[in-house]
C-alpha atoms as a PDB file:
ATOM      1  CA  MET A   1       0.020   0.039   0.046  1.00  0.00           C
ATOM      2  CA  VAL A   2       0.653   3.717  -0.543  1.00  0.00           C
ATOM      3  CA  ASN A   3       3.304   4.854   2.311  1.00  0.00           C
ATOM      4  CA  GLN A   4       2.727   8.490   2.696  1.00  0.00           C
ATOM      5  CA  ALA A   5       2.256  11.288   5.342  1.00  0.00           C
ATOM      6  CA  LYS A   6      -0.748  12.334   2.713  1.00  0.00           C
ATOM      7  CA  ASN A   7      -2.738   9.718   0.765  1.00  0.00           C
ATOM      8  CA  ILE A   8      -1.656  10.103  -2.659  1.00  0.00           C
ATOM      9  CA  ILE A   9      -4.980  10.970  -4.655  1.00  0.00           C
ATOM     10  CA  ALA A  10      -4.749  10.217  -8.513  1.00  0.00           C
ATOM     11  CA  ILE A  11      -6.806  13.153 -10.464  1.00  0.00           C
ATOM     12  CA  PRO A  12      -7.666  11.523 -14.006  1.00  0.00           C
ATOM     13  CA  MET A  13      -7.337  14.973 -15.734  1.00  0.00           C
ATOM     14  CA  GLY A  14     -10.688  13.514 -18.537  1.00  0.00           C
ATOM     15  CA  ASP A  15     -11.486  14.636 -21.705  1.00  0.00           C
ATOM     16  CA  PRO A  16      -8.783  17.186 -22.845  1.00  0.00           C
ATOM     17  CA  ALA A  17     -11.041  19.189 -24.983  1.00  0.00           C
ATOM     18  CA  GLY A  18     -13.385  19.641 -22.007  1.00  0.00           C
ATOM     19  CA  ILE A  19     -13.186  21.730 -18.388  1.00  0.00           C
ATOM     20  CA  GLY A  20     -11.637  19.318 -16.632  1.00  0.00           C
ATOM     21  CA  PRO A  21      -7.810  20.311 -16.976  1.00  0.00           C
ATOM     22  CA  GLU A  22      -8.558  23.527 -16.247  1.00  0.00           C
ATOM     23  CA  ILE A  23     -10.676  22.741 -13.018  1.00  0.00           C
ATOM     24  CA  THR A  24      -7.384  20.453 -12.008  1.00  0.00           C
ATOM     25  CA  VAL A  25      -4.625  22.925 -12.157  1.00  0.00           C
ATOM     26  CA  LYS A  26      -7.269  26.111 -10.815  1.00  0.00           C
ATOM     27  CA  ALA A  27      -7.872  23.180  -8.107  1.00  0.00           C
ATOM     28  CA  LEU A  28      -4.317  22.103  -7.427  1.00  0.00           C
ATOM     29  CA  ASP A  29      -3.237  25.693  -6.966  1.00  0.00           C
ATOM     30  CA  LYS A  30      -5.013  26.047  -3.527  1.00  0.00           C
ATOM     31  CA  PRO A  31      -2.266  24.868  -0.901  1.00  0.00           C
ATOM     32  CA  GLU A  32      -5.477  23.493   1.125  1.00  0.00           C
ATOM     33  CA  ILE A  33      -5.330  20.697  -1.220  1.00  0.00           C
ATOM     34  CA  TYR A  34      -1.950  19.463  -0.321  1.00  0.00           C
ATOM     35  CA  GLU A  35      -2.776  20.191   3.445  1.00  0.00           C
ATOM     36  CA  VAL A  36      -5.129  16.927   3.249  1.00  0.00           C
ATOM     37  CA  CYS A  37      -3.440  15.066   0.320  1.00  0.00           C
ATOM     38  CA  SER A  38      -1.104  14.305  -2.216  1.00  0.00           C
ATOM     39  CA  PRO A  39      -2.630  15.127  -5.903  1.00  0.00           C
ATOM     40  CA  LEU A  40      -1.041  12.794  -8.825  1.00  0.00           C
ATOM     41  CA  VAL A  41      -2.941  14.152 -11.868  1.00  0.00           C
ATOM     42  CA  ILE A  42      -2.773  11.186 -15.035  1.00  0.00           C
ATOM     43  CA  GLY A  43      -3.462  12.888 -18.333  1.00  0.00           C
ATOM     44  CA  HIS A  44      -1.242  14.958 -20.833  1.00  0.00           C
ATOM     45  CA  SER A  45       1.447  17.215 -19.520  1.00  0.00           C
ATOM     46  CA  GLU A  46       1.016  19.574 -22.682  1.00  0.00           C
ATOM     47  CA  VAL A  47      -3.061  20.268 -22.226  1.00  0.00           C
ATOM     48  CA  LEU A  48      -2.302  20.813 -18.489  1.00  0.00           C
ATOM     49  CA  LYS A  49       0.268  23.870 -19.582  1.00  0.00           C
ATOM     50  CA  HIS A  50      -1.988  24.925 -21.867  1.00  0.00           C
ATOM     51  CA  ALA A  51      -4.693  24.679 -19.400  1.00  0.00           C
ATOM     52  CA  MET A  52      -2.615  26.949 -17.412  1.00  0.00           C
ATOM     53  CA  LYS A  53      -1.803  29.109 -19.634  1.00  0.00           C
ATOM     54  CA  PHE A  54      -5.403  30.287 -20.566  1.00  0.00           C
ATOM     55  CA  THR A  55      -6.321  30.384 -16.713  1.00  0.00           C
ATOM     56  CA  ASN A  56      -2.997  32.777 -15.654  1.00  0.00           C
ATOM     57  CA  THR A  57      -1.875  29.979 -13.338  1.00  0.00           C
ATOM     58  CA  PHE A  58       1.704  29.221 -12.469  1.00  0.00           C
ATOM     59  CA  LEU A  59       2.597  25.887 -11.071  1.00  0.00           C
ATOM     60  CA  GLU A  60       5.504  23.968 -11.859  1.00  0.00           C
ATOM     61  CA  MET A  61       5.108  20.819 -13.827  1.00  0.00           C
ATOM     62  CA  ASN A  62       6.773  17.906 -12.270  1.00  0.00           C
ATOM     63  CA  GLU A  63       6.286  14.810 -14.463  1.00  0.00           C
ATOM     64  CA  ILE A  64       7.078  11.238 -12.997  1.00  0.00           C
ATOM     65  CA  ASN A  65       7.009   7.515 -14.242  1.00  0.00           C
ATOM     66  CA  ASP A  66       5.280   6.483 -10.477  1.00  0.00           C
ATOM     67  CA  PRO A  67       3.666   7.844  -7.526  1.00  0.00           C
ATOM     68  CA  SER A  68       6.627   7.406  -5.765  1.00  0.00           C
ATOM     69  CA  GLU A  69       8.703   9.839  -7.743  1.00  0.00           C
ATOM     70  CA  GLY A  70       6.289  12.896  -6.604  1.00  0.00           C
ATOM     71  CA  ILE A  71       7.179  16.098  -4.768  1.00  0.00           C
ATOM     72  CA  TYR A  72       3.403  16.345  -3.538  1.00  0.00           C
ATOM     73  CA  GLU A  73       3.645  20.682  -2.757  1.00  0.00           C
ATOM     74  CA  HIS A  74       1.781  23.464  -3.716  1.00  0.00           C
ATOM     75  CA  GLY A  75       3.427  25.100  -6.409  1.00  0.00           C
ATOM     76  CA  THR A  76       4.246  22.105  -8.533  1.00  0.00           C
ATOM     77  CA  ILE A  77       1.844  19.249 -10.738  1.00  0.00           C
ATOM     78  CA  ASP A  78       3.106  15.923  -9.997  1.00  0.00           C
ATOM     79  CA  VAL A  79       1.690  14.330 -13.677  1.00  0.00           C
ATOM     80  CA  ILE A  80       1.872  10.897 -14.758  1.00  0.00           C
ATOM     81  CA  SER A  81       1.691  11.938 -18.779  1.00  0.00           C
ATOM     82  CA  LEU A  82       0.440   9.182 -21.355  1.00  0.00           C
ATOM     83  CA  ASP A  83       1.520  10.107 -24.906  1.00  0.00           C
ATOM     84  CA  ASN A  84      -1.824   9.425 -26.422  1.00  0.00           C
ATOM     85  CA  LEU A  85      -3.002  12.973 -27.724  1.00  0.00           C
ATOM     86  CA  ASP A  86      -2.547  14.866 -30.700  1.00  0.00           C
ATOM     87  CA  VAL A  87      -1.895  18.000 -29.270  1.00  0.00           C
ATOM     88  CA  ASP A  88      -1.913  19.916 -32.565  1.00  0.00           C
ATOM     89  CA  GLN A  89      -5.361  18.528 -33.446  1.00  0.00           C
ATOM     90  CA  LEU A  90      -6.678  19.076 -30.270  1.00  0.00           C
ATOM     91  CA  GLU A  91      -9.960  21.589 -30.534  1.00  0.00           C
ATOM     92  CA  MET A  92     -11.029  22.868 -27.082  1.00  0.00           C
ATOM     93  CA  GLY A  93     -15.006  22.386 -27.160  1.00  0.00           C
ATOM     94  CA  LYS A  94     -15.527  19.808 -29.296  1.00  0.00           C
ATOM     95  CA  VAL A  95     -16.452  16.012 -29.711  1.00  0.00           C
ATOM     96  CA  GLN A  96     -13.144  14.317 -30.452  1.00  0.00           C
ATOM     97  CA  ALA A  97     -12.309  10.341 -30.906  1.00  0.00           C
ATOM     98  CA  GLN A  98      -8.647  11.281 -29.656  1.00  0.00           C
ATOM     99  CA  CYS A  99     -10.167  12.982 -26.328  1.00  0.00           C
ATOM    100  CA  GLY A 100     -12.650   9.755 -25.631  1.00  0.00           C
ATOM    101  CA  LYS A 101      -9.693   7.341 -26.295  1.00  0.00           C
ATOM    102  CA  ALA A 102      -7.335   9.814 -24.081  1.00  0.00           C
ATOM    103  CA  ALA A 103     -10.151   9.839 -21.323  1.00  0.00           C
ATOM    104  CA  TYR A 104     -10.467   6.749 -21.225  1.00  0.00           C
ATOM    105  CA  GLU A 105      -7.082   5.679 -20.967  1.00  0.00           C
ATOM    106  CA  TYR A 106      -6.450   8.043 -18.053  1.00  0.00           C
ATOM    107  CA  ILE A 107      -8.981   6.436 -15.995  1.00  0.00           C
ATOM    108  CA  GLU A 108      -7.363   2.925 -16.696  1.00  0.00           C
ATOM    109  CA  LYS A 109      -3.760   4.026 -15.529  1.00  0.00           C
ATOM    110  CA  SER A 110      -5.124   5.452 -12.550  1.00  0.00           C
ATOM    111  CA  VAL A 111      -7.203   1.981 -11.392  1.00  0.00           C
ATOM    112  CA  ALA A 112      -4.225   0.038 -12.219  1.00  0.00           C
ATOM    113  CA  LEU A 113      -2.558   2.306  -9.380  1.00  0.00           C
ATOM    114  CA  ALA A 114      -5.571   1.883  -7.307  1.00  0.00           C
ATOM    115  CA  LEU A 115      -5.536  -1.441  -7.659  1.00  0.00           C
ATOM    116  CA  GLU A 116      -1.782  -2.269  -7.344  1.00  0.00           C
ATOM    117  CA  GLY A 117      -2.046  -0.002  -4.223  1.00  0.00           C
ATOM    118  CA  LYS A 118       0.149   3.151  -5.554  1.00  0.00           C
ATOM    119  CA  VAL A 119      -3.107   5.377  -4.578  1.00  0.00           C
ATOM    120  CA  THR A 120      -5.266   5.051  -1.725  1.00  0.00           C
ATOM    121  CA  ALA A 121      -7.866   6.976  -4.237  1.00  0.00           C
ATOM    122  CA  LEU A 122      -9.429   8.518  -7.141  1.00  0.00           C
ATOM    123  CA  ALA A 123     -10.931  12.334  -7.796  1.00  0.00           C
ATOM    124  CA  THR A 124     -12.687  12.190 -11.222  1.00  0.00           C
ATOM    125  CA  THR A 125     -12.891  14.816 -13.680  1.00  0.00           C
ATOM    126  CA  PRO A 126     -15.229  15.644 -16.781  1.00  0.00           C
ATOM    127  CA  ILE A 127     -15.640  12.828 -19.721  1.00  0.00           C
ATOM    128  CA  ASN A 128     -17.976  12.909 -23.006  1.00  0.00           C
ATOM    129  CA  LYS A 129     -20.570  10.362 -23.786  1.00  0.00           C
ATOM    130  CA  GLU A 130     -19.839  11.406 -27.368  1.00  0.00           C
ATOM    131  CA  SER A 131     -16.292  11.416 -27.190  1.00  0.00           C
ATOM    132  CA  LEU A 132     -16.657   7.924 -25.885  1.00  0.00           C
ATOM    133  CA  LYS A 133     -18.838   6.978 -28.276  1.00  0.00           C
ATOM    134  CA  ALA A 134     -16.791   8.598 -31.221  1.00  0.00           C
ATOM    135  CA  ALA A 135     -13.374   6.784 -30.014  1.00  0.00           C
ATOM    136  CA  LYS A 136     -15.559   3.524 -29.605  1.00  0.00           C
ATOM    137  CA  VAL A 137     -14.726   3.080 -26.313  1.00  0.00           C
ATOM    138  CA  PRO A 138     -17.880   0.528 -25.296  1.00  0.00           C
ATOM    139  CA  PHE A 139     -19.219   2.674 -21.932  1.00  0.00           C
ATOM    140  CA  ILE A 140     -21.439   5.760 -21.239  1.00  0.00           C
ATOM    141  CA  GLY A 141     -19.564   6.792 -18.243  1.00  0.00           C
ATOM    142  CA  HIS A 142     -17.351   6.564 -15.274  1.00  0.00           C
ATOM    143  CA  THR A 143     -19.543   4.026 -13.559  1.00  0.00           C
ATOM    144  CA  GLU A 144     -19.316   1.611 -16.503  1.00  0.00           C
ATOM    145  CA  ILE A 145     -16.013   1.866 -16.727  1.00  0.00           C
ATOM    146  CA  LEU A 146     -15.110   1.254 -13.186  1.00  0.00           C
ATOM    147  CA  ALA A 147     -16.994  -1.367 -12.780  1.00  0.00           C
ATOM    148  CA  GLU A 148     -15.607  -3.179 -15.342  1.00  0.00           C
ATOM    149  CA  LEU A 149     -11.854  -2.051 -15.123  1.00  0.00           C
ATOM    150  CA  THR A 150     -12.501  -3.572 -11.118  1.00  0.00           C
ATOM    151  CA  LYS A 151     -14.799  -6.249 -12.054  1.00  0.00           C
ATOM    152  CA  SER A 152     -17.539  -4.960  -9.844  1.00  0.00           C
ATOM    153  CA  ASP A 153     -20.649  -6.279  -9.730  1.00  0.00           C
ATOM    154  CA  ASP A 154     -23.206  -3.033  -9.744  1.00  0.00           C
ATOM    155  CA  PRO A 155     -21.561  -0.295  -7.803  1.00  0.00           C
ATOM    156  CA  LEU A 156     -23.267   2.182  -5.275  1.00  0.00           C
ATOM    157  CA  THR A 157     -23.235   5.860  -5.887  1.00  0.00           C
ATOM    158  CA  MET A 158     -23.720   8.338  -2.823  1.00  0.00           C
ATOM    159  CA  PHE A 159     -23.762  12.221  -3.503  1.00  0.00           C
ATOM    160  CA  GLU A 160     -22.875  14.221  -0.169  1.00  0.00           C
ATOM    161  CA  VAL A 161     -22.976  17.901  -0.087  1.00  0.00           C
ATOM    162  CA  LEU A 162     -22.282  19.620   3.324  1.00  0.00           C
ATOM    163  CA  ASN A 163     -24.216  17.645   5.967  1.00  0.00           C
ATOM    164  CA  MET A 164     -26.154  15.040   3.654  1.00  0.00           C
ATOM    165  CA  ARG A 165     -25.701  12.172   1.895  1.00  0.00           C
ATOM    166  CA  ILE A 166     -27.932  10.367  -0.321  1.00  0.00           C
ATOM    167  CA  PHE A 167     -28.758   6.997  -2.079  1.00  0.00           C
ATOM    168  CA  PHE A 168     -30.037   6.303  -4.785  1.00  0.00           C
ATOM    169  CA  LEU A 169     -32.569   2.773  -5.012  1.00  0.00           C
ATOM    170  CA  THR A 170     -32.464   3.592  -9.419  1.00  0.00           C
ATOM    171  CA  ARG A 171     -30.731   6.239 -11.591  1.00  0.00           C
ATOM    172  CA  HIS A 172     -30.982   6.500 -15.086  1.00  0.00           C
ATOM    173  CA  LEU A 173     -34.611   4.822 -15.703  1.00  0.00           C
ATOM    174  CA  SER A 174     -37.796   6.481 -17.178  1.00  0.00           C
ATOM    175  CA  LEU A 175     -39.778   7.383 -14.020  1.00  0.00           C
ATOM    176  CA  LYS A 176     -42.436   4.279 -15.026  1.00  0.00           C
ATOM    177  CA  ASP A 177     -39.365   2.530 -15.314  1.00  0.00           C
ATOM    178  CA  ALA A 178     -38.228   3.350 -11.802  1.00  0.00           C
ATOM    179  CA  ILE A 179     -41.283   2.792  -9.815  1.00  0.00           C
ATOM    180  CA  ALA A 180     -41.893  -0.845 -11.670  1.00  0.00           C
ATOM    181  CA  ALA A 181     -38.211  -1.221 -10.012  1.00  0.00           C
ATOM    182  CA  ILE A 182     -39.376  -0.536  -6.668  1.00  0.00           C
ATOM    183  CA  THR A 183     -39.760  -3.816  -4.920  1.00  0.00           C
ATOM    184  CA  LYS A 184     -39.639  -5.080  -1.527  1.00  0.00           C
ATOM    185  CA  ASP A 185     -36.292  -7.083  -1.956  1.00  0.00           C
ATOM    186  CA  ARG A 186     -34.682  -4.327  -3.925  1.00  0.00           C
ATOM    187  CA  VAL A 187     -35.403  -1.579  -1.187  1.00  0.00           C
ATOM    188  CA  CYS A 188     -34.174  -4.474   1.981  1.00  0.00           C
ATOM    189  CA  ASP A 189     -30.977  -5.245  -0.243  1.00  0.00           C
ATOM    190  CA  TYR A 190     -30.026  -1.427  -1.025  1.00  0.00           C
ATOM    191  CA  LEU A 191     -30.397  -0.457   2.566  1.00  0.00           C
ATOM    192  CA  ILE A 192     -27.928  -3.550   3.908  1.00  0.00           C
ATOM    193  CA  ARG A 193     -25.758  -2.264   0.884  1.00  0.00           C
ATOM    194  CA  CYS A 194     -25.816   1.990   2.166  1.00  0.00           C
ATOM    195  CA  ASP A 195     -25.582   0.874   5.601  1.00  0.00           C
ATOM    196  CA  LYS A 196     -22.201  -1.068   4.483  1.00  0.00           C
ATOM    197  CA  ALA A 197     -21.044   1.940   2.273  1.00  0.00           C
ATOM    198  CA  LEU A 198     -21.334   3.990   5.102  1.00  0.00           C
ATOM    199  CA  GLN A 199     -19.478   1.733   7.821  1.00  0.00           C
ATOM    200  CA  GLN A 200     -16.755   1.686   4.653  1.00  0.00           C
ATOM    201  CA  LEU A 201     -16.462   5.401   4.851  1.00  0.00           C
ATOM    202  CA  GLY A 202     -16.352   5.193   8.762  1.00  0.00           C
ATOM    203  CA  VAL A 203     -19.692   6.785   9.435  1.00  0.00           C
ATOM    204  CA  GLU A 204     -20.482   5.291  13.077  1.00  0.00           C
ATOM    205  CA  ASN A 205     -24.434   6.589  13.772  1.00  0.00           C
ATOM    206  CA  ARG A 206     -25.771   5.019  10.320  1.00  0.00           C
ATOM    207  CA  LYS A 207     -29.459   5.505  10.040  1.00  0.00           C
ATOM    208  CA  ILE A 208     -31.183   5.573   6.972  1.00  0.00           C
ATOM    209  CA  ALA A 209     -34.306   7.259   5.985  1.00  0.00           C
ATOM    210  CA  VAL A 210     -35.976   5.938   2.958  1.00  0.00           C
ATOM    211  CA  ALA A 211     -37.610   8.807   1.120  1.00  0.00           C
ATOM    212  CA  ALA A 212     -41.039   8.347   0.367  1.00  0.00           C
ATOM    213  CA  LEU A 213     -42.733   7.755  -3.433  1.00  0.00           C
ATOM    214  CA  ASN A 214     -46.209   9.463  -2.915  1.00  0.00           C
ATOM    215  CA  PRO A 215     -47.191  12.924  -1.900  1.00  0.00           C
ATOM    216  CA  HIS A 216     -47.032  12.584   2.162  1.00  0.00           C
ATOM    217  CA  GLY A 217     -45.993   8.817   1.639  1.00  0.00           C
ATOM    218  CA  GLY A 218     -49.112   7.895  -0.065  1.00  0.00           C
ATOM    219  CA  GLU A 219     -51.546   8.603   2.724  1.00  0.00           C
ATOM    220  CA  ASN A 220     -52.280   5.122   3.962  1.00  0.00           C
ATOM    221  CA  GLY A 221     -52.928   4.258   0.223  1.00  0.00           C
ATOM    222  CA  LEU A 222     -55.169   7.351  -0.575  1.00  0.00           C
ATOM    223  CA  PHE A 223     -52.222   8.485  -3.239  1.00  0.00           C
ATOM    224  CA  GLY A 224     -51.001   5.145  -4.055  1.00  0.00           C
ATOM    225  CA  TYR A 225     -50.145   2.161  -2.998  1.00  0.00           C
ATOM    226  CA  GLU A 226     -46.084   1.647  -2.956  1.00  0.00           C
ATOM    227  CA  GLU A 227     -45.399   2.468   0.584  1.00  0.00           C
ATOM    228  CA  ILE A 228     -48.052  -0.561   1.561  1.00  0.00           C
ATOM    229  CA  ASP A 229     -47.299  -3.077  -0.363  1.00  0.00           C
ATOM    230  CA  GLU A 230     -43.625  -2.512  -1.070  1.00  0.00           C
ATOM    231  CA  ILE A 231     -41.399   0.301   0.791  1.00  0.00           C
ATOM    232  CA  ARG A 232     -42.687  -0.013   3.828  1.00  0.00           C
ATOM    233  CA  PRO A 233     -42.170  -4.134   3.685  1.00  0.00           C
ATOM    234  CA  GLY A 234     -38.411  -3.766   2.190  1.00  0.00           C
ATOM    235  CA  ILE A 235     -37.635  -1.851   5.278  1.00  0.00           C
ATOM    236  CA  GLU A 236     -39.512  -4.163   7.871  1.00  0.00           C
ATOM    237  CA  ALA A 237     -37.015  -6.568   6.037  1.00  0.00           C
ATOM    238  CA  ALA A 238     -34.071  -4.495   6.391  1.00  0.00           C
ATOM    239  CA  ILE A 239     -34.561  -3.809   9.911  1.00  0.00           C
ATOM    240  CA  GLU A 240     -35.252  -7.112  11.108  1.00  0.00           C
ATOM    241  CA  LYS A 241     -31.564  -8.260   9.351  1.00  0.00           C
ATOM    242  CA  GLY A 242     -30.035  -5.057  11.930  1.00  0.00           C
ATOM    243  CA  ILE A 243     -30.036  -1.896   9.509  1.00  0.00           C
ATOM    244  CA  ASP A 244     -31.232   1.356  11.183  1.00  0.00           C
ATOM    245  CA  ALA A 245     -33.714   2.571   8.768  1.00  0.00           C
ATOM    246  CA  VAL A 246     -36.667   4.766   9.216  1.00  0.00           C
ATOM    247  CA  GLY A 247     -39.516   5.291   6.817  1.00  0.00           C
ATOM    248  CA  PRO A 248     -41.146   6.333   4.441  1.00  0.00           C
ATOM    249  CA  VAL A 249     -40.314   8.904   5.174  1.00  0.00           C
ATOM    250  CA  PRO A 250     -42.476  12.032   3.056  1.00  0.00           C
ATOM    251  CA  ALA A 251     -39.724  13.366   0.230  1.00  0.00           C
ATOM    252  CA  ASP A 252     -40.612  17.315   0.529  1.00  0.00           C
ATOM    253  CA  SER A 253     -39.192  16.932   4.079  1.00  0.00           C
ATOM    254  CA  VAL A 254     -36.608  13.633   4.417  1.00  0.00           C
ATOM    255  CA  PHE A 255     -34.071  15.593   2.735  1.00  0.00           C
ATOM    256  CA  HIS A 256     -34.160  19.151   5.200  1.00  0.00           C
ATOM    257  CA  HIS A 257     -33.969  16.424   8.108  1.00  0.00           C
ATOM    258  CA  ALA A 258     -31.244  14.597   6.350  1.00  0.00           C
ATOM    259  CA  LEU A 259     -29.354  18.350   6.039  1.00  0.00           C
ATOM    260  CA  ASN A 260     -29.701  19.023   9.850  1.00  0.00           C
ATOM    261  CA  GLY A 261     -28.732  15.988  11.101  1.00  0.00           C
ATOM    262  CA  ARG A 262     -31.593  13.537  11.676  1.00  0.00           C
ATOM    263  CA  TYR A 263     -30.284  11.022   9.550  1.00  0.00           C
ATOM    264  CA  ALA A 264     -27.012   9.809   8.673  1.00  0.00           C
ATOM    265  CA  ALA A 265     -28.110   9.678   5.029  1.00  0.00           C
ATOM    266  CA  VAL A 266     -31.285   9.232   2.492  1.00  0.00           C
ATOM    267  CA  LEU A 267     -32.642   6.619   0.185  1.00  0.00           C
ATOM    268  CA  SER A 268     -33.624   8.154  -2.620  1.00  0.00           C
ATOM    269  CA  LEU A 269     -36.327   5.766  -5.154  1.00  0.00           C
ATOM    270  CA  TYR A 270     -35.464   7.469  -8.482  1.00  0.00           C
ATOM    271  CA  HIS A 271     -32.768  10.177 -10.183  1.00  0.00           C
ATOM    272  CA  ASP A 272     -34.196  13.238 -10.035  1.00  0.00           C
ATOM    273  CA  GLN A 273     -35.821  12.806  -6.450  1.00  0.00           C
ATOM    274  CA  GLY A 274     -32.331  12.900  -4.962  1.00  0.00           C
ATOM    275  CA  HIS A 275     -30.381  15.004  -7.156  1.00  0.00           C
ATOM    276  CA  ILE A 276     -32.726  17.908  -6.756  1.00  0.00           C
ATOM    277  CA  ALA A 277     -32.147  17.707  -2.983  1.00  0.00           C
ATOM    278  CA  ALA A 278     -28.564  18.368  -3.271  1.00  0.00           C
ATOM    279  CA  LYS A 279     -28.276  20.105  -6.294  1.00  0.00           C
ATOM    280  CA  MET A 280     -30.696  22.620  -4.908  1.00  0.00           C
ATOM    281  CA  THR A 281     -28.756  22.533  -1.546  1.00  0.00           C
ATOM    282  CA  ASP A 282     -25.350  23.397  -3.679  1.00  0.00           C
ATOM    283  CA  PHE A 283     -24.996  22.701  -6.797  1.00  0.00           C
ATOM    284  CA  GLU A 284     -20.845  22.782  -7.089  1.00  0.00           C
ATOM    285  CA  ARG A 285     -20.343  21.431  -3.770  1.00  0.00           C
ATOM    286  CA  THR A 286     -22.645  18.262  -4.473  1.00  0.00           C
ATOM    287  CA  ILE A 287     -20.171  15.264  -4.663  1.00  0.00           C
ATOM    288  CA  SER A 288     -20.910  11.836  -6.285  1.00  0.00           C
ATOM    289  CA  VAL A 289     -19.197   8.739  -4.246  1.00  0.00           C
ATOM    290  CA  THR A 290     -18.859   5.297  -5.684  1.00  0.00           C
ATOM    291  CA  ASN A 291     -18.816   2.853  -3.360  1.00  0.00           C
ATOM    292  CA  GLY A 292     -18.870  -1.428  -4.076  1.00  0.00           C
ATOM    293  CA  LEU A 293     -15.019  -0.624  -5.770  1.00  0.00           C
ATOM    294  CA  PRO A 294     -11.879  -1.904  -4.495  1.00  0.00           C
ATOM    295  CA  PHE A 295     -11.085   1.522  -4.186  1.00  0.00           C
ATOM    296  CA  LEU A 296     -12.610   5.018  -3.076  1.00  0.00           C
ATOM    297  CA  ARG A 297     -13.687   7.066  -5.818  1.00  0.00           C
ATOM    298  CA  THR A 298     -14.652  10.562  -6.194  1.00  0.00           C
ATOM    299  CA  SER A 299     -16.308  12.671  -8.411  1.00  0.00           C
ATOM    300  CA  VAL A 300     -17.497  16.330  -9.332  1.00  0.00           C
ATOM    301  CA  ASP A 301     -21.070  16.024 -10.633  1.00  0.00           C
ATOM    302  CA  HIS A 302     -21.363  18.125 -14.065  1.00  0.00           C
ATOM    303  CA  GLY A 303     -19.979  17.592 -17.281  1.00  0.00           C
ATOM    304  CA  THR A 304     -17.152  18.545 -19.391  1.00  0.00           C
ATOM    305  CA  ALA A 305     -19.007  22.308 -20.281  1.00  0.00           C
ATOM    306  CA  PHE A 306     -17.256  22.173 -23.925  1.00  0.00           C
ATOM    307  CA  ASP A 307     -19.882  26.009 -24.199  1.00  0.00           C
ATOM    308  CA  ILE A 308     -17.105  27.420 -21.730  1.00  0.00           C
ATOM    309  CA  ALA A 309     -14.079  25.201 -22.474  1.00  0.00           C
ATOM    310  CA  GLY A 310     -11.169  26.451 -23.026  1.00  0.00           C
ATOM    311  CA  LYS A 311     -11.858  29.926 -21.618  1.00  0.00           C
ATOM    312  CA  GLY A 312     -10.609  30.073 -18.277  1.00  0.00           C
ATOM    313  CA  ILE A 313     -14.309  30.562 -16.578  1.00  0.00           C
ATOM    314  CA  ALA A 314     -15.053  26.995 -15.229  1.00  0.00           C
ATOM    315  CA  SER A 315     -15.460  27.040 -11.252  1.00  0.00           C
ATOM    316  CA  SER A 316     -12.593  24.695  -9.638  1.00  0.00           C
ATOM    317  CA  VAL A 317     -14.786  24.459  -6.558  1.00  0.00           C
ATOM    318  CA  SER A 318     -16.416  21.521  -6.924  1.00  0.00           C
ATOM    319  CA  MET A 319     -13.436  19.787  -8.142  1.00  0.00           C
ATOM    320  CA  GLU A 320     -11.764  20.707  -4.771  1.00  0.00           C
ATOM    321  CA  GLU A 321     -14.561  19.441  -3.081  1.00  0.00           C
ATOM    322  CA  CYS A 322     -13.864  16.250  -4.780  1.00  0.00           C
ATOM    323  CA  ILE A 323     -10.589  16.034  -4.017  1.00  0.00           C
ATOM    324  CA  LYS A 324     -11.117  17.004  -0.351  1.00  0.00           C
ATOM    325  CA  LEU A 325     -13.663  14.514   0.010  1.00  0.00           C
ATOM    326  CA  ALA A 326     -11.478  11.788  -1.164  1.00  0.00           C
ATOM    327  CA  ALA A 327      -8.922  12.697   1.049  1.00  0.00           C
ATOM    328  CA  LYS A 328     -11.491  12.526   3.822  1.00  0.00           C
ATOM    329  CA  TYR A 329     -13.001   9.303   3.621  1.00  0.00           C
ATOM    330  CA  SER A 330      -9.635   7.532   1.722  1.00  0.00           C
ATOM    331  CA  LYS A 331      -7.759   7.138   5.078  1.00  0.00           C
ATOM    332  CA  HIS A 332     -11.024   4.335   6.198  1.00  0.00           C
ATOM    333  CA  PHE A 333     -10.252   2.455   3.150  1.00  0.00           C
ATOM    334  CA  GLN A 334      -6.835   1.574   3.851  1.00  0.00           C
ATOM    335  CA  ASN A 335      -6.362  -2.425   3.677  1.00  0.00           C
ATOM    336  CA  GLN A 336     -10.040  -2.674   3.724  1.00  0.00           C
ATOM    337  CA  LYS A 337     -11.433  -4.803   0.607  1.00  0.00           C
ATOM    338  CA  VAL A 338     -15.019  -4.196  -0.231  1.00  0.00           C
END
């Protein structure tokens, strides 16, 4: 495993034509990042140098071959630079096959380092689905790539923003299909998995609230029977297995209570239910954590922003929070098996 005073966090640079390189150099210009971890960029040094030019960022580039060679001091960017890009052909803000291929290879290298124990966590930057497709990379996003590279089954996504954590029972499904997927067995299984994830993150008081689907939790069948038929029985089954769970709690109040510390986490039933709650709380500080991998992975929860890429105006707040959260939780993943 990594033998450093501070854990090494790998930062795959993302799509070179997007804002990933820009928010990376801006984030690593903040001394507080180096107070909590040793950040290591996996990317392309020339792209990072270009990003420093249009953001007026002045950092020394330290190209290395192995994480053990890093300096990890503010004022220097340690980077493992892959020679996988024709920089002269790079167009900022455009879908390009070479960028999709490069972004995939940055992730692939980062995962290899994590599996070797040379880095303790990944803090990922945005990739572009269309660029991946153009490169014939057979995955639509980070989660699918990470699942395949680590041979992990159904990784579990958690959002963290301020004092609130949100898990998702379903994500990329239509609302109709998401409702059909809300079953007693699924609710029970996810509550068990959520509890395990919180335990791995070092959370001690792990009370999980399950958000209701229907208005006012269905009002005992007045507004729907999903709570009666599937959700409540799933919660009860999880409680019988020793999980500290409550609900279903009406969705118009459960996130407020979680934000104020009543619950360690909320299990959201569908994509927008949890996304809206998190992003309305603080859009830039909503960070995604992927559980169920052999290592910790955090990610910004925004895209490549091709419309502003290369203009030097992208905010790095989310990237800074992403790295800090990886540092916060990574110590709990040392010597753990997922």
